[in-house]
Amino acid sequence: MADSSVNTTIKVLSILLIIGGLAVYIGWGIAYGSWNFFEPKYIPIYGLTVVMVLFGLLGLALTRLRD
């Protein structure tokens, strides 16, 4: 019983991380017109986006392995 609620919580948080990462990317791109990944002054925000999305995907993968 507890294992199922933990999996559900991890899935929800993982999906929120993915959505949040994409929202940061799109919001920052719209606000600052910074769609170039290789421009040095915008690298930190894209690094944050990549970390958020990868942790979200990792969480979803781990919940699939637990099922």
PDB file of N, CA and C in Angstrom:
ATOM      1  N   MET A   1       0.824  -1.193   0.000  1.00  0.00           N
ATOM      2  CA  MET A   1       0.000   0.000   0.000  1.00  0.00           C
ATOM      3  C   MET A   1       0.867   1.256   0.000  1.00  0.00           C
ATOM      4  N   ALA A   2       1.838   1.319   0.900  1.00  0.00           N
ATOM      5  CA  ALA A   2       2.699   2.490   0.987  1.00  0.00           C
ATOM      6  C   ALA A   2       3.571   2.620  -0.252  1.00  0.00           C
ATOM      7  N   ASP A   3       3.946   1.497  -0.835  1.00  0.00           N
ATOM      8  CA  ASP A   3       4.792   1.511  -2.020  1.00  0.00           C
ATOM      9  C   ASP A   3       4.075   2.167  -3.200  1.00  0.00           C
ATOM     10  N   SER A   4       2.780   1.932  -3.315  1.00  0.00           N
ATOM     11  CA  SER A   4       1.994   2.522  -4.395  1.00  0.00           C
ATOM     12  C   SER A   4       1.903   4.037  -4.248  1.00  0.00           C
ATOM     13  N   SER A   5       1.716   4.524  -3.034  1.00  0.00           N
ATOM     14  CA  SER A   5       1.616   5.972  -2.832  1.00  0.00           C
ATOM     15  C   SER A   5       2.959   6.649  -3.062  1.00  0.00           C
ATOM     16  N   VAL A   6       4.050   5.957  -2.739  1.00  0.00           N
ATOM     17  CA  VAL A   6       5.381   6.508  -3.001  1.00  0.00           C
ATOM     18  C   VAL A   6       5.614   6.609  -4.499  1.00  0.00           C
ATOM     19  N   ASN A   7       5.245   5.570  -5.251  1.00  0.00           N
ATOM     20  CA  ASN A   7       5.394   5.609  -6.702  1.00  0.00           C
ATOM     21  C   ASN A   7       4.568   6.728  -7.316  1.00  0.00           C
ATOM     22  N   THR A   8       3.354   6.905  -6.836  1.00  0.00           N
ATOM     23  CA  THR A   8       2.496   7.967  -7.354  1.00  0.00           C
ATOM     24  C   THR A   8       3.098   9.338  -7.064  1.00  0.00           C
ATOM     25  N   THR A   9       3.624   9.512  -5.868  1.00  0.00           N
ATOM     26  CA  THR A   9       4.241  10.785  -5.502  1.00  0.00           C
ATOM     27  C   THR A   9       5.455  11.074  -6.377  1.00  0.00           C
ATOM     28  N   ILE A  10       6.287  10.060  -6.590  1.00  0.00           N
ATOM     29  CA  ILE A  10       7.470  10.248  -7.428  1.00  0.00           C
ATOM     30  C   ILE A  10       7.072  10.559  -8.868  1.00  0.00           C
ATOM     31  N   LYS A  11       6.052   9.896  -9.376  1.00  0.00           N
ATOM     32  CA  LYS A  11       5.579  10.177 -10.739  1.00  0.00           C
ATOM     33  C   LYS A  11       5.091  11.616 -10.865  1.00  0.00           C
ATOM     34  N   VAL A  12       4.308  12.071  -9.893  1.00  0.00           N
ATOM     35  CA  VAL A  12       3.774  13.438  -9.937  1.00  0.00           C
ATOM     36  C   VAL A  12       4.911  14.454  -9.871  1.00  0.00           C
ATOM     37  N   LEU A  13       5.855  14.262  -8.960  1.00  0.00           N
ATOM     38  CA  LEU A  13       6.982  15.184  -8.853  1.00  0.00           C
ATOM     39  C   LEU A  13       7.852  15.159 -10.107  1.00  0.00           C
ATOM     40  N   SER A  14       8.020  13.993 -10.696  1.00  0.00           N
ATOM     41  CA  SER A  14       8.807  13.895 -11.928  1.00  0.00           C
ATOM     42  C   SER A  14       8.130  14.638 -13.080  1.00  0.00           C
ATOM     43  N   ILE A  15       6.843  14.477 -13.201  1.00  0.00           N
ATOM     44  CA  ILE A  15       6.107  15.187 -14.253  1.00  0.00           C
ATOM     45  C   ILE A  15       6.157  16.690 -14.015  1.00  0.00           C
ATOM     46  N   LEU A  16       6.051  17.115 -12.749  1.00  0.00           N
ATOM     47  CA  LEU A  16       6.149  18.542 -12.440  1.00  0.00           C
ATOM     48  C   LEU A  16       7.541  19.091 -12.767  1.00  0.00           C
ATOM     49  N   LEU A  17       8.586  18.292 -12.540  1.00  0.00           N
ATOM     50  CA  LEU A  17       9.939  18.722 -12.896  1.00  0.00           C
ATOM     51  C   LEU A  17      10.078  18.906 -14.410  1.00  0.00           C
ATOM     52  N   ILE A  18       9.531  17.975 -15.169  1.00  0.00           N
ATOM     53  CA  ILE A  18       9.615  18.087 -16.628  1.00  0.00           C
ATOM     54  C   ILE A  18       8.843  19.309 -17.108  1.00  0.00           C
ATOM     55  N   ILE A  19       7.627  19.482 -16.616  1.00  0.00           N
ATOM     56  CA  ILE A  19       6.816  20.635 -17.020  1.00  0.00           C
ATOM     57  C   ILE A  19       7.488  21.928 -16.584  1.00  0.00           C
ATOM     58  N   GLY A  20       8.021  21.943 -15.364  1.00  0.00           N
ATOM     59  CA  GLY A  20       8.707  23.138 -14.871  1.00  0.00           C
ATOM     60  C   GLY A  20       9.939  23.472 -15.691  1.00  0.00           C
ATOM     61  N   GLY A  21      10.710  22.460 -16.044  1.00  0.00           N
ATOM     62  CA  GLY A  21      11.892  22.691 -16.867  1.00  0.00           C
ATOM     63  C   GLY A  21      11.547  23.257 -18.237  1.00  0.00           C
ATOM     64  N   LEU A  22      10.517  22.707 -18.845  1.00  0.00           N
ATOM     65  CA  LEU A  22      10.092  23.229 -20.151  1.00  0.00           C
ATOM     66  C   LEU A  22       9.505  24.629 -20.023  1.00  0.00           C
ATOM     67  N   ALA A  23       8.797  24.888 -18.931  1.00  0.00           N
ATOM     68  CA  ALA A  23       8.234  26.223 -18.709  1.00  0.00           C
ATOM     69  C   ALA A  23       9.343  27.256 -18.505  1.00  0.00           C
ATOM     70  N   VAL A  24      10.394  26.875 -17.786  1.00  0.00           N
ATOM     71  CA  VAL A  24      11.531  27.779 -17.599  1.00  0.00           C
ATOM     72  C   VAL A  24      12.179  28.079 -18.944  1.00  0.00           C
ATOM     73  N   TYR A  25      12.392  27.054 -19.752  1.00  0.00           N
ATOM     74  CA  TYR A  25      13.008  27.234 -21.058  1.00  0.00           C
ATOM     75  C   TYR A  25      12.171  28.154 -21.948  1.00  0.00           C
ATOM     76  N   ILE A  26      10.895  27.876 -22.041  1.00  0.00           N
ATOM     77  CA  ILE A  26      10.016  28.671 -22.908  1.00  0.00           C
ATOM     78  C   ILE A  26       9.847  30.084 -22.359  1.00  0.00           C
ATOM     79  N   GLY A  27       9.635  30.197 -21.043  1.00  0.00           N
ATOM     80  CA  GLY A  27       9.467  31.520 -20.440  1.00  0.00           C
ATOM     81  C   GLY A  27      10.703  32.390 -20.594  1.00  0.00           C
ATOM     82  N   TRP A  28      11.866  31.831 -20.336  1.00  0.00           N
ATOM     83  CA  TRP A  28      13.106  32.588 -20.470  1.00  0.00           C
ATOM     84  C   TRP A  28      13.340  32.968 -21.937  1.00  0.00           C
ATOM     85  N   GLY A  29      13.061  32.043 -22.841  1.00  0.00           N
ATOM     86  CA  GLY A  29      13.236  32.333 -24.260  1.00  0.00           C
ATOM     87  C   GLY A  29      12.328  33.449 -24.735  1.00  0.00           C
ATOM     88  N   ILE A  30      11.093  33.452 -24.261  1.00  0.00           N
ATOM     89  CA  ILE A  30      10.160  34.513 -24.651  1.00  0.00           C
ATOM     90  C   ILE A  30      10.561  35.837 -24.011  1.00  0.00           C
ATOM     91  N   ALA A  31      10.917  35.819 -22.737  1.00  0.00           N
ATOM     92  CA  ALA A  31      11.230  37.053 -22.017  1.00  0.00           C
ATOM     93  C   ALA A  31      12.512  37.711 -22.524  1.00  0.00           C
ATOM     94  N   TYR A  32      13.518  36.905 -22.839  1.00  0.00           N
ATOM     95  CA  TYR A  32      14.817  37.468 -23.198  1.00  0.00           C
ATOM     96  C   TYR A  32      15.224  37.200 -24.639  1.00  0.00           C
ATOM     97  N   GLY A  33      14.397  36.517 -25.399  1.00  0.00           N
ATOM     98  CA  GLY A  33      14.729  36.236 -26.797  1.00  0.00           C
ATOM     99  C   GLY A  33      16.018  35.441 -26.924  1.00  0.00           C
ATOM    100  N   SER A  34      16.228  34.500 -26.018  1.00  0.00           N
ATOM    101  CA  SER A  34      17.505  33.787 -25.945  1.00  0.00           C
ATOM    102  C   SER A  34      17.333  32.323 -26.323  1.00  0.00           C
ATOM    103  N   TRP A  35      17.180  32.035 -27.579  1.00  0.00           N
ATOM    104  CA  TRP A  35      16.988  30.662 -28.023  1.00  0.00           C
ATOM    105  C   TRP A  35      18.296  29.993 -28.409  1.00  0.00           C
ATOM    106  N   ASN A  36      19.411  30.717 -28.313  1.00  0.00           N
ATOM    107  CA  ASN A  36      20.709  30.186 -28.689  1.00  0.00           C
ATOM    108  C   ASN A  36      21.355  29.499 -27.486  1.00  0.00           C
ATOM    109  N   PHE A  37      21.508  28.177 -27.547  1.00  0.00           N
ATOM    110  CA  PHE A  37      22.110  27.410 -26.453  1.00  0.00           C
ATOM    111  C   PHE A  37      23.574  27.775 -26.224  1.00  0.00           C
ATOM    112  N   PHE A  38      24.257  28.216 -27.262  1.00  0.00           N
ATOM    113  CA  PHE A  38      25.706  28.376 -27.205  1.00  0.00           C
ATOM    114  C   PHE A  38      26.153  29.783 -26.846  1.00  0.00           C
ATOM    115  N   GLU A  39      25.229  30.683 -26.607  1.00  0.00           N
ATOM    116  CA  GLU A  39      25.608  32.028 -26.185  1.00  0.00           C
ATOM    117  C   GLU A  39      25.990  31.972 -24.699  1.00  0.00           C
ATOM    118  N   PRO A  40      27.219  32.355 -24.361  1.00  0.00           N
ATOM    119  CA  PRO A  40      27.727  32.140 -22.996  1.00  0.00           C
ATOM    120  C   PRO A  40      26.893  32.755 -21.883  1.00  0.00           C
ATOM    121  N   LYS A  41      26.255  33.877 -22.099  1.00  0.00           N
ATOM    122  CA  LYS A  41      25.522  34.504 -20.999  1.00  0.00           C
ATOM    123  C   LYS A  41      24.210  33.787 -20.673  1.00  0.00           C
ATOM    124  N   TYR A  42      23.739  32.888 -21.533  1.00  0.00           N
ATOM    125  CA  TYR A  42      22.486  32.176 -21.283  1.00  0.00           C
ATOM    126  C   TYR A  42      22.689  30.714 -20.883  1.00  0.00           C
ATOM    127  N   ILE A  43      23.921  30.266 -20.779  1.00  0.00           N
ATOM    128  CA  ILE A  43      24.185  28.864 -20.460  1.00  0.00           C
ATOM    129  C   ILE A  43      23.612  28.441 -19.102  1.00  0.00           C
ATOM    130  N   PRO A  44      23.712  29.257 -18.036  1.00  0.00           N
ATOM    131  CA  PRO A  44      23.183  28.785 -16.736  1.00  0.00           C
ATOM    132  C   PRO A  44      21.693  28.445 -16.754  1.00  0.00           C
ATOM    133  N   ILE A  45      20.883  29.211 -17.438  1.00  0.00           N
ATOM    134  CA  ILE A  45      19.446  28.930 -17.436  1.00  0.00           C
ATOM    135  C   ILE A  45      19.160  27.646 -18.210  1.00  0.00           C
ATOM    136  N   TYR A  46      19.918  27.400 -19.266  1.00  0.00           N
ATOM    137  CA  TYR A  46      19.720  26.154 -19.999  1.00  0.00           C
ATOM    138  C   TYR A  46      20.262  24.968 -19.212  1.00  0.00           C
ATOM    139  N   GLY A  47      21.314  25.189 -18.433  1.00  0.00           N
ATOM    140  CA  GLY A  47      21.805  24.139 -17.550  1.00  0.00           C
ATOM    141  C   GLY A  47      20.753  23.750 -16.529  1.00  0.00           C
ATOM    142  N   LEU A  48      20.068  24.739 -15.966  1.00  0.00           N
ATOM    143  CA  LEU A  48      18.980  24.471 -15.020  1.00  0.00           C
ATOM    144  C   LEU A  48      17.855  23.696 -15.696  1.00  0.00           C
ATOM    145  N   THR A  49      17.528  24.073 -16.911  1.00  0.00           N
ATOM    146  CA  THR A  49      16.478  23.385 -17.655  1.00  0.00           C
ATOM    147  C   THR A  49      16.840  21.920 -17.885  1.00  0.00           C
ATOM    148  N   VAL A  50      18.066  21.674 -18.307  1.00  0.00           N
ATOM    149  CA  VAL A  50      18.503  20.302 -18.575  1.00  0.00           C
ATOM    150  C   VAL A  50      18.471  19.468 -17.305  1.00  0.00           C
ATOM    151  N   VAL A  51      18.927  20.024 -16.187  1.00  0.00           N
ATOM    152  CA  VAL A  51      18.920  19.286 -14.920  1.00  0.00           C
ATOM    153  C   VAL A  51      17.495  18.950 -14.500  1.00  0.00           C
ATOM    154  N   MET A  52      16.588  19.903 -14.600  1.00  0.00           N
ATOM    155  CA  MET A  52      15.195  19.654 -14.205  1.00  0.00           C
ATOM    156  C   MET A  52      14.569  18.561 -15.066  1.00  0.00           C
ATOM    157  N   VAL A  53      14.743  18.648 -16.373  1.00  0.00           N
ATOM    158  CA  VAL A  53      14.136  17.663 -17.273  1.00  0.00           C
ATOM    159  C   VAL A  53      14.770  16.283 -17.077  1.00  0.00           C
ATOM    160  N   LEU A  54      16.080  16.231 -16.914  1.00  0.00           N
ATOM    161  CA  LEU A  54      16.723  14.934 -16.722  1.00  0.00           C
ATOM    162  C   LEU A  54      16.326  14.277 -15.405  1.00  0.00           C
ATOM    163  N   PHE A  55      16.226  15.063 -14.330  1.00  0.00           N
ATOM    164  CA  PHE A  55      15.768  14.481 -13.071  1.00  0.00           C
ATOM    165  C   PHE A  55      14.318  14.011 -13.179  1.00  0.00           C
ATOM    166  N   GLY A  56      13.493  14.731 -13.924  1.00  0.00           N
ATOM    167  CA  GLY A  56      12.128  14.286 -14.140  1.00  0.00           C
ATOM    168  C   GLY A  56      12.072  12.981 -14.912  1.00  0.00           C
ATOM    169  N   LEU A  57      12.868  12.881 -15.957  1.00  0.00           N
ATOM    170  CA  LEU A  57      12.906  11.640 -16.741  1.00  0.00           C
ATOM    171  C   LEU A  57      13.481  10.483 -15.930  1.00  0.00           C
ATOM    172  N   LEU A  58      14.495  10.770 -15.121  1.00  0.00           N
ATOM    173  CA  LEU A  58      15.072   9.738 -14.267  1.00  0.00           C
ATOM    174  C   LEU A  58      14.043   9.235 -13.254  1.00  0.00           C
ATOM    175  N   GLY A  59      13.282  10.136 -12.679  1.00  0.00           N
ATOM    176  CA  GLY A  59      12.236   9.739 -11.736  1.00  0.00           C
ATOM    177  C   GLY A  59      11.179   8.862 -12.382  1.00  0.00           C
ATOM    178  N   LEU A  60      10.766   9.225 -13.593  1.00  0.00           N
ATOM    179  CA  LEU A  60       9.780   8.401 -14.300  1.00  0.00           C
ATOM    180  C   LEU A  60      10.356   7.025 -14.647  1.00  0.00           C
ATOM    181  N   ALA A  61      11.621   7.003 -15.047  1.00  0.00           N
ATOM    182  CA  ALA A  61      12.249   5.716 -15.370  1.00  0.00           C
ATOM    183  C   ALA A  61      12.357   4.835 -14.137  1.00  0.00           C
ATOM    184  N   LEU A  62      12.691   5.425 -13.008  1.00  0.00           N
ATOM    185  CA  LEU A  62      12.810   4.633 -11.784  1.00  0.00           C
ATOM    186  C   LEU A  62      11.465   4.097 -11.319  1.00  0.00           C
ATOM    187  N   THR A  63      10.393   4.854 -11.486  1.00  0.00           N
ATOM    188  CA  THR A  63       9.089   4.342 -11.096  1.00  0.00           C
ATOM    189  C   THR A  63       8.647   3.212 -12.026  1.00  0.00           C
ATOM    190  N   ARG A  64       9.026   3.287 -13.285  1.00  0.00           N
ATOM    191  CA  ARG A  64       8.707   2.184 -14.213  1.00  0.00           C
ATOM    192  C   ARG A  64       9.445   0.917 -13.819  1.00  0.00           C
ATOM    193  N   LEU A  65      10.701   1.078 -13.390  1.00  0.00           N
ATOM    194  CA  LEU A  65      11.484  -0.097 -12.988  1.00  0.00           C
ATOM    195  C   LEU A  65      10.929  -0.718 -11.700  1.00  0.00           C
ATOM    196  N   ARG A  66      10.357   0.096 -10.824  1.00  0.00           N
ATOM    197  CA  ARG A  66       9.802  -0.422  -9.577  1.00  0.00           C
ATOM    198  C   ARG A  66       8.497  -1.187  -9.808  1.00  0.00           C
ATOM    199  N   ASP A  67       7.766  -0.825 -10.865  1.00  0.00           N
ATOM    200  CA  ASP A  67       6.489  -1.497 -11.148  1.00  0.00           C
ATOM    201  C   ASP A  67       6.719  -2.859 -11.632  1.00  0.00           C
TER     202      ASP A  67
END
